[in-house]
Amino acid sequence: MTTPQGTSRATFAVGDEFSAKRIVDLLTESFEEGQAAIAAFESPEGRWDVTVHFADPPDEASIRELVSLASDDTVAASIVFDSIEAKDWVKESLKGLVPVRAGRFIVHGQHDRDQVRPNQLGIEIEAALAFGTGHHGTTRGCLIYLDYVLRAKAPKRMLDLGTGTGVLAIAAAKATKRRVLATDIDPMSVKVARENMRLNGVGNLVDTVCATGFSSPAFGDRAPFDLILANILANPLRAMSTDMARHLTRNGMVILSGLLPHQAMSVIAAYRARGLVLRKHQIIEGWSSLLMQRAG
């Protein structure tokens, strides 16, 4: 968005991705479309920097209160409000996202289209939020394992569970030219993912559905799956292990991420109890990614 007359900005930092996402989600729900541009990016120091650009001068006390609800009073008190030159702030903030390579895939913004080589599959992401754009160890881990799986065989039926910005579904569709089911519990994520599917020319290959867990009828129409990608968090991954196994074909594979290294063994154990075996385990930027396969 471009801020017309208002050039107000709020900036602050939080300690972890989960807190940043909670804050961004709450702020996003609190503004009408066009009122604010919200971006969150991981800094080289490991913290998460949040920037909000407002179309009109904000109620600073209300903004602090919202941030406090999603984090704590310390973060709310650290918010810096200032005024700056009007620009397209979404476009400007995305310039800070350098292209990320994972196997044959490269995740990039519009300004880096020329960085995609002929032997690479480019995934262009222009969403305002950095979650799930490939610039995080969890998404990179999934893309690396997806590339590994697809080099051996192209699955016929694929599911991206908790699709977020749609990066994994886009990658799977581009690499295989086959249909992919992408689901998320957040309607805003579904909207962003659909826009990214169209941007990347795979809107006709990816069915993006708002669904909680495996409750949607879409799963019954498409299951069982040869490959499931789930970049979520440890607790929901453990909770869904039974449903995940039930929706897999024989020898079907799952790529799981969103795990801290100390959480990986409990997730592995949950899936082993459902008949899956561990094929690969990697740690990227402090996050574990797993490749597991259902026994034939």
Protein backbone atom coordinates (compact mmCIF):
# COMPACT_ATOMS: atom_id res chain seq x y z
CA MET A 1 0.00 0.00 0.00
CA THR A 2 1.06 3.60 -0.44
CA THR A 3 0.32 5.92 2.43
CA PRO A 4 -1.30 9.03 0.93
CA GLN A 5 -1.10 12.00 3.30
CA GLY A 6 -0.39 10.09 6.50
CA THR A 7 3.21 9.02 6.93
CA SER A 8 3.11 7.69 10.47
CA ARG A 9 5.13 4.66 11.48
CA ALA A 10 5.48 2.41 14.52
CA THR A 11 8.54 0.21 15.03
CA PHE A 12 9.50 -2.27 17.74
CA ALA A 13 11.22 -5.62 18.29
CA VAL A 14 10.15 -8.89 19.89
CA GLY A 15 12.22 -11.85 20.93
CA ASP A 16 10.76 -14.71 18.90
CA GLU A 17 8.74 -15.55 15.81
CA PHE A 18 5.70 -16.84 17.71
CA SER A 19 5.26 -13.56 19.57
CA ALA A 20 5.79 -11.56 16.38
CA LYS A 21 3.14 -13.56 14.55
CA ARG A 22 0.64 -13.10 17.37
CA ILE A 23 1.19 -9.36 17.30
CA VAL A 24 0.95 -9.14 13.51
CA ASP A 25 -2.22 -11.26 13.46
CA LEU A 26 -3.89 -9.08 16.11
CA LEU A 27 -2.90 -5.82 14.41
CA THR A 28 -4.03 -7.12 11.01
CA GLU A 29 -7.46 -8.01 12.42
CA SER A 30 -7.75 -4.55 13.99
CA PHE A 31 -7.41 -2.52 10.78
CA GLU A 32 -9.55 -2.29 7.68
CA GLU A 33 -7.86 -2.98 4.34
CA GLY A 34 -5.73 -0.01 3.31
CA GLN A 35 -5.45 1.49 6.80
CA ALA A 36 -2.08 -0.04 7.66
CA ALA A 37 0.80 -2.01 6.17
CA ILE A 38 2.32 -4.43 8.66
CA ALA A 39 5.61 -6.25 8.14
CA ALA A 40 7.65 -8.54 10.39
CA PHE A 41 11.14 -9.77 9.56
CA GLU A 42 13.79 -11.74 11.39
CA SER A 43 16.93 -9.69 12.03
CA PRO A 44 20.49 -11.05 11.77
CA GLU A 45 20.63 -10.92 15.59
CA GLY A 46 17.75 -13.40 15.82
CA ARG A 47 15.06 -11.02 17.05
CA TRP A 48 11.93 -10.12 15.07
CA ASP A 49 11.45 -6.50 13.97
CA VAL A 50 7.87 -5.33 13.43
CA THR A 51 7.04 -2.21 11.42
CA VAL A 52 3.58 -0.71 10.95
CA HIS A 53 2.92 2.09 8.44
CA PHE A 54 -0.38 3.91 8.91
CA ALA A 55 -2.50 5.66 6.29
CA ASP A 56 -3.62 8.10 9.01
CA PRO A 57 -2.01 9.09 12.32
CA PRO A 58 -2.79 6.27 14.79
CA ASP A 59 -4.11 6.30 18.33
CA GLU A 60 -0.79 5.49 20.00
CA ALA A 61 -2.34 4.35 23.27
CA SER A 62 -4.59 1.90 21.42
CA ILE A 63 -1.68 0.48 19.46
CA ARG A 64 0.31 -0.06 22.66
CA GLU A 65 -2.70 -1.75 24.24
CA LEU A 66 -3.10 -4.12 21.28
CA VAL A 67 0.58 -5.04 21.31
CA SER A 68 0.44 -5.59 25.06
CA LEU A 69 -2.46 -8.03 24.61
CA ALA A 70 -0.42 -10.10 22.17
CA SER A 71 2.90 -9.91 24.05
CA ASP A 72 3.58 -7.90 27.22
CA ASP A 73 3.82 -4.36 28.56
CA THR A 74 7.60 -4.23 28.00
CA VAL A 75 7.25 -4.68 24.24
CA ALA A 76 4.34 -2.23 24.13
CA ALA A 77 6.36 0.39 25.99
CA SER A 78 9.25 -0.01 23.52
CA ILE A 79 7.19 1.03 20.47
CA VAL A 80 8.65 4.05 18.70
CA PHE A 81 6.23 6.25 16.75
CA ASP A 82 7.56 8.66 14.14
CA SER A 83 6.72 10.30 10.80
CA ILE A 84 8.49 9.61 7.53
CA GLU A 85 8.29 10.26 3.80
CA ALA A 86 5.36 8.63 2.03
CA LYS A 87 6.32 5.54 -0.02
CA ASP A 88 5.00 2.18 -1.02
CA TRP A 89 6.02 0.62 2.29
CA VAL A 90 5.18 -2.96 1.46
CA LYS A 91 7.38 -2.74 -1.63
CA GLU A 92 10.14 -0.97 0.30
CA SER A 93 10.15 -3.48 3.15
CA LEU A 94 10.27 -6.44 0.77
CA LYS A 95 13.45 -5.08 -0.78
CA GLY A 96 15.16 -6.25 2.37
CA LEU A 97 14.27 -9.85 1.57
CA VAL A 98 17.20 -11.29 -0.38
CA PRO A 99 16.54 -14.34 -2.58
CA VAL A 100 16.68 -17.62 -0.65
CA ARG A 101 17.83 -20.83 -2.34
CA ALA A 102 16.70 -24.29 -1.19
CA GLY A 103 17.56 -27.14 -3.54
CA ARG A 104 16.31 -26.21 -7.00
CA PHE A 105 13.91 -23.64 -5.53
CA ILE A 106 14.59 -19.94 -5.08
CA VAL A 107 12.17 -17.73 -3.14
CA HIS A 108 12.33 -14.08 -4.20
CA GLY A 109 10.47 -10.79 -4.48
CA GLN A 110 9.49 -9.03 -7.69
CA HIS A 111 12.66 -6.94 -7.61
CA ASP A 112 14.81 -10.11 -7.79
CA ARG A 113 13.19 -11.89 -10.72
CA ASP A 114 16.43 -11.64 -12.65
CA GLN A 115 18.17 -13.72 -9.96
CA VAL A 116 16.33 -16.90 -11.03
CA ARG A 117 18.54 -19.08 -13.20
CA PRO A 118 17.22 -21.37 -15.98
CA ASN A 119 17.79 -24.50 -13.85
CA GLN A 120 15.92 -23.08 -10.84
CA LEU A 121 12.25 -22.87 -9.97
CA GLY A 122 11.41 -19.35 -8.84
CA ILE A 123 8.74 -18.73 -6.22
CA GLU A 124 7.76 -15.07 -6.12
CA ILE A 125 6.25 -13.84 -2.86
CA GLU A 126 4.95 -10.31 -2.42
CA ALA A 127 2.93 -10.74 0.78
CA ALA A 128 3.47 -8.06 3.44
CA LEU A 129 4.34 -10.62 6.09
CA ALA A 130 7.59 -12.54 6.12
CA PHE A 131 6.15 -15.65 7.75
CA GLY A 132 6.46 -18.60 5.43
CA THR A 133 8.24 -16.76 2.64
CA GLY A 134 11.26 -19.07 2.66
CA HIS A 135 13.33 -16.65 4.73
CA HIS A 136 12.97 -18.82 7.80
CA GLY A 137 14.74 -22.10 8.62
CA THR A 138 11.48 -24.06 8.84
CA THR A 139 10.36 -23.19 5.30
CA ARG A 140 13.83 -23.70 3.87
CA GLY A 141 14.02 -27.11 5.52
CA CYS A 142 10.72 -28.13 3.95
CA LEU A 143 11.78 -26.92 0.51
CA ILE A 144 15.06 -28.84 0.69
CA TYR A 145 13.24 -32.06 1.60
CA LEU A 146 10.57 -31.42 -1.04
CA ASP A 147 13.30 -31.12 -3.67
CA TYR A 148 14.85 -34.36 -2.38
CA VAL A 149 11.55 -36.27 -2.56
CA LEU A 150 10.62 -34.94 -6.00
CA ARG A 151 13.96 -35.89 -7.52
CA ALA A 152 13.14 -39.54 -6.78
CA LYS A 153 9.45 -39.56 -7.73
CA ALA A 154 6.64 -37.09 -8.38
CA PRO A 155 3.76 -37.78 -5.97
CA LYS A 156 0.30 -37.84 -7.57
CA ARG A 157 -1.62 -36.45 -4.59
CA MET A 158 -0.09 -33.75 -2.40
CA LEU A 159 -1.27 -31.74 0.60
CA ASP A 160 0.21 -28.56 2.08
CA LEU A 161 -1.29 -28.44 5.59
CA GLY A 162 -1.10 -24.98 7.17
CA THR A 163 -0.07 -23.39 3.89
CA GLY A 164 0.48 -19.81 5.18
CA THR A 165 1.69 -17.77 2.22
CA GLY A 166 1.53 -20.86 0.00
CA VAL A 167 5.24 -21.26 -0.68
CA LEU A 168 5.32 -25.06 -0.30
CA ALA A 169 2.20 -25.64 -2.38
CA ILE A 170 3.54 -23.36 -5.10
CA ALA A 171 6.86 -25.22 -5.10
CA ALA A 172 5.15 -28.63 -5.33
CA ALA A 173 2.83 -27.51 -8.14
CA LYS A 174 5.60 -25.84 -10.14
CA ALA A 175 7.94 -28.81 -9.86
CA THR A 176 5.40 -31.54 -10.68
CA LYS A 177 2.72 -29.76 -12.76
CA ARG A 178 0.24 -31.75 -10.65
CA ARG A 179 -2.63 -30.69 -8.43
CA VAL A 180 -2.01 -29.76 -4.80
CA LEU A 181 -4.46 -29.24 -1.94
CA ALA A 182 -3.44 -26.34 0.35
CA THR A 183 -5.28 -25.66 3.60
CA ASP A 184 -5.02 -23.18 6.48
CA ILE A 185 -7.14 -22.33 9.51
CA ASP A 186 -6.67 -18.58 8.94
CA PRO A 187 -8.94 -16.98 6.29
CA MET A 188 -6.42 -14.15 5.76
CA SER A 189 -3.65 -16.68 5.04
CA VAL A 190 -5.91 -18.43 2.56
CA LYS A 191 -6.55 -15.12 0.78
CA VAL A 192 -2.82 -14.29 0.66
CA ALA A 193 -1.96 -17.81 -0.51
CA ARG A 194 -4.48 -17.64 -3.37
CA GLU A 195 -3.01 -14.34 -4.50
CA ASN A 196 0.48 -15.86 -4.45
CA MET A 197 -0.74 -18.92 -6.40
CA ARG A 198 -2.04 -16.62 -9.15
CA LEU A 199 1.14 -14.55 -9.08
CA ASN A 200 3.19 -17.71 -9.66
CA GLY A 201 0.95 -19.10 -12.39
CA VAL A 202 -0.28 -22.17 -10.48
CA GLY A 203 -3.74 -20.96 -9.48
CA ASN A 204 -5.24 -23.67 -11.70
CA LEU A 205 -3.20 -26.40 -9.98
CA VAL A 206 -3.64 -25.52 -6.30
CA ASP A 207 -6.94 -25.76 -4.44
CA THR A 208 -6.66 -23.47 -1.39
CA VAL A 209 -9.20 -24.16 1.36
CA CYS A 210 -9.85 -22.72 4.81
CA ALA A 211 -10.03 -25.74 7.12
CA THR A 212 -9.19 -26.80 10.67
CA GLY A 213 -7.17 -30.00 10.81
CA PHE A 214 -8.60 -32.71 8.57
CA SER A 215 -12.24 -31.70 9.06
CA SER A 216 -12.90 -30.27 5.60
CA PRO A 217 -14.73 -32.38 2.96
CA ALA A 218 -11.86 -31.46 0.64
CA PHE A 219 -9.70 -34.06 2.35
CA GLY A 220 -12.17 -36.85 1.69
CA ASP A 221 -12.28 -35.94 -1.98
CA ARG A 222 -8.48 -35.95 -2.39
CA ALA A 223 -7.08 -38.40 0.20
CA PRO A 224 -5.09 -40.52 0.62
CA PHE A 225 -2.02 -38.43 -0.13
CA ASP A 226 1.37 -39.53 -1.40
CA LEU A 227 3.01 -36.50 0.21
CA ILE A 228 1.94 -34.20 3.05
CA LEU A 229 3.85 -31.03 3.92
CA ALA A 230 3.15 -29.53 7.35
CA ASN A 231 5.19 -26.55 8.53
CA ILE A 232 3.28 -25.82 11.72
CA LEU A 233 4.35 -26.29 15.36
CA ALA A 234 5.26 -29.28 17.52
CA ASN A 235 2.04 -29.57 19.54
CA PRO A 236 -0.40 -29.59 16.60
CA LEU A 237 1.90 -31.92 14.67
CA ARG A 238 1.81 -34.41 17.54
CA ALA A 239 -1.95 -34.01 17.93
CA MET A 240 -2.56 -34.66 14.22
CA SER A 241 -0.24 -37.66 13.90
CA THR A 242 -3.12 -40.17 13.81
CA ASP A 243 -5.09 -38.24 11.17
CA MET A 244 -1.91 -37.61 9.22
CA ALA A 245 -1.12 -41.34 9.07
CA ARG A 246 -4.71 -42.21 8.10
CA HIS A 247 -4.57 -39.82 5.17
CA LEU A 248 -1.32 -41.23 3.76
CA THR A 249 -0.92 -43.87 1.08
CA ARG A 250 1.31 -46.87 1.65
CA ASN A 251 4.89 -45.59 1.45
CA GLY A 252 3.46 -42.06 1.60
CA MET A 253 5.77 -39.38 3.00
CA VAL A 254 5.36 -36.43 5.36
CA ILE A 255 7.65 -33.42 5.64
CA LEU A 256 7.27 -31.86 9.09
CA SER A 257 8.74 -28.62 10.37
CA GLY A 258 8.18 -25.82 12.85
CA LEU A 259 10.02 -27.77 15.53
CA LEU A 260 12.74 -26.76 17.92
CA PRO A 261 15.49 -29.41 18.08
CA HIS A 262 14.49 -30.57 21.57
CA GLN A 263 10.92 -31.15 20.34
CA ALA A 264 11.89 -33.34 17.40
CA MET A 265 12.17 -36.66 19.27
CA SER A 266 8.65 -36.44 20.72
CA VAL A 267 7.22 -35.73 17.25
CA ILE A 268 9.23 -38.59 15.74
CA ALA A 269 7.93 -40.91 18.48
CA ALA A 270 4.31 -39.88 17.85
CA TYR A 271 4.60 -40.71 14.14
CA ARG A 272 6.55 -43.92 14.73
CA ALA A 273 3.64 -45.10 16.88
CA ARG A 274 1.42 -44.61 13.81
CA GLY A 275 3.63 -46.67 11.52
CA LEU A 276 5.96 -44.02 10.08
CA VAL A 277 9.74 -44.25 10.04
CA LEU A 278 12.25 -41.42 10.05
CA ARG A 279 14.14 -40.98 6.77
CA LYS A 280 15.93 -37.68 7.35
CA HIS A 281 16.36 -35.04 10.05
CA GLN A 282 18.04 -31.67 9.55
CA ILE A 283 18.48 -28.51 11.61
CA ILE A 284 18.56 -25.12 9.86
CA GLU A 285 18.90 -21.87 11.79
CA GLY A 286 17.89 -23.58 15.02
CA TRP A 287 14.79 -25.33 13.60
CA SER A 288 14.31 -29.05 12.96
CA SER A 289 12.73 -30.49 9.82
CA LEU A 290 11.78 -34.15 9.46
CA LEU A 291 11.15 -36.46 6.50
CA MET A 292 9.13 -39.51 7.55
CA GLN A 293 7.57 -42.32 5.54
CA ARG A 294 4.68 -44.66 6.18
CA ALA A 295 5.68 -48.31 6.09
CA GLY A 296 4.49 -50.19 3.02
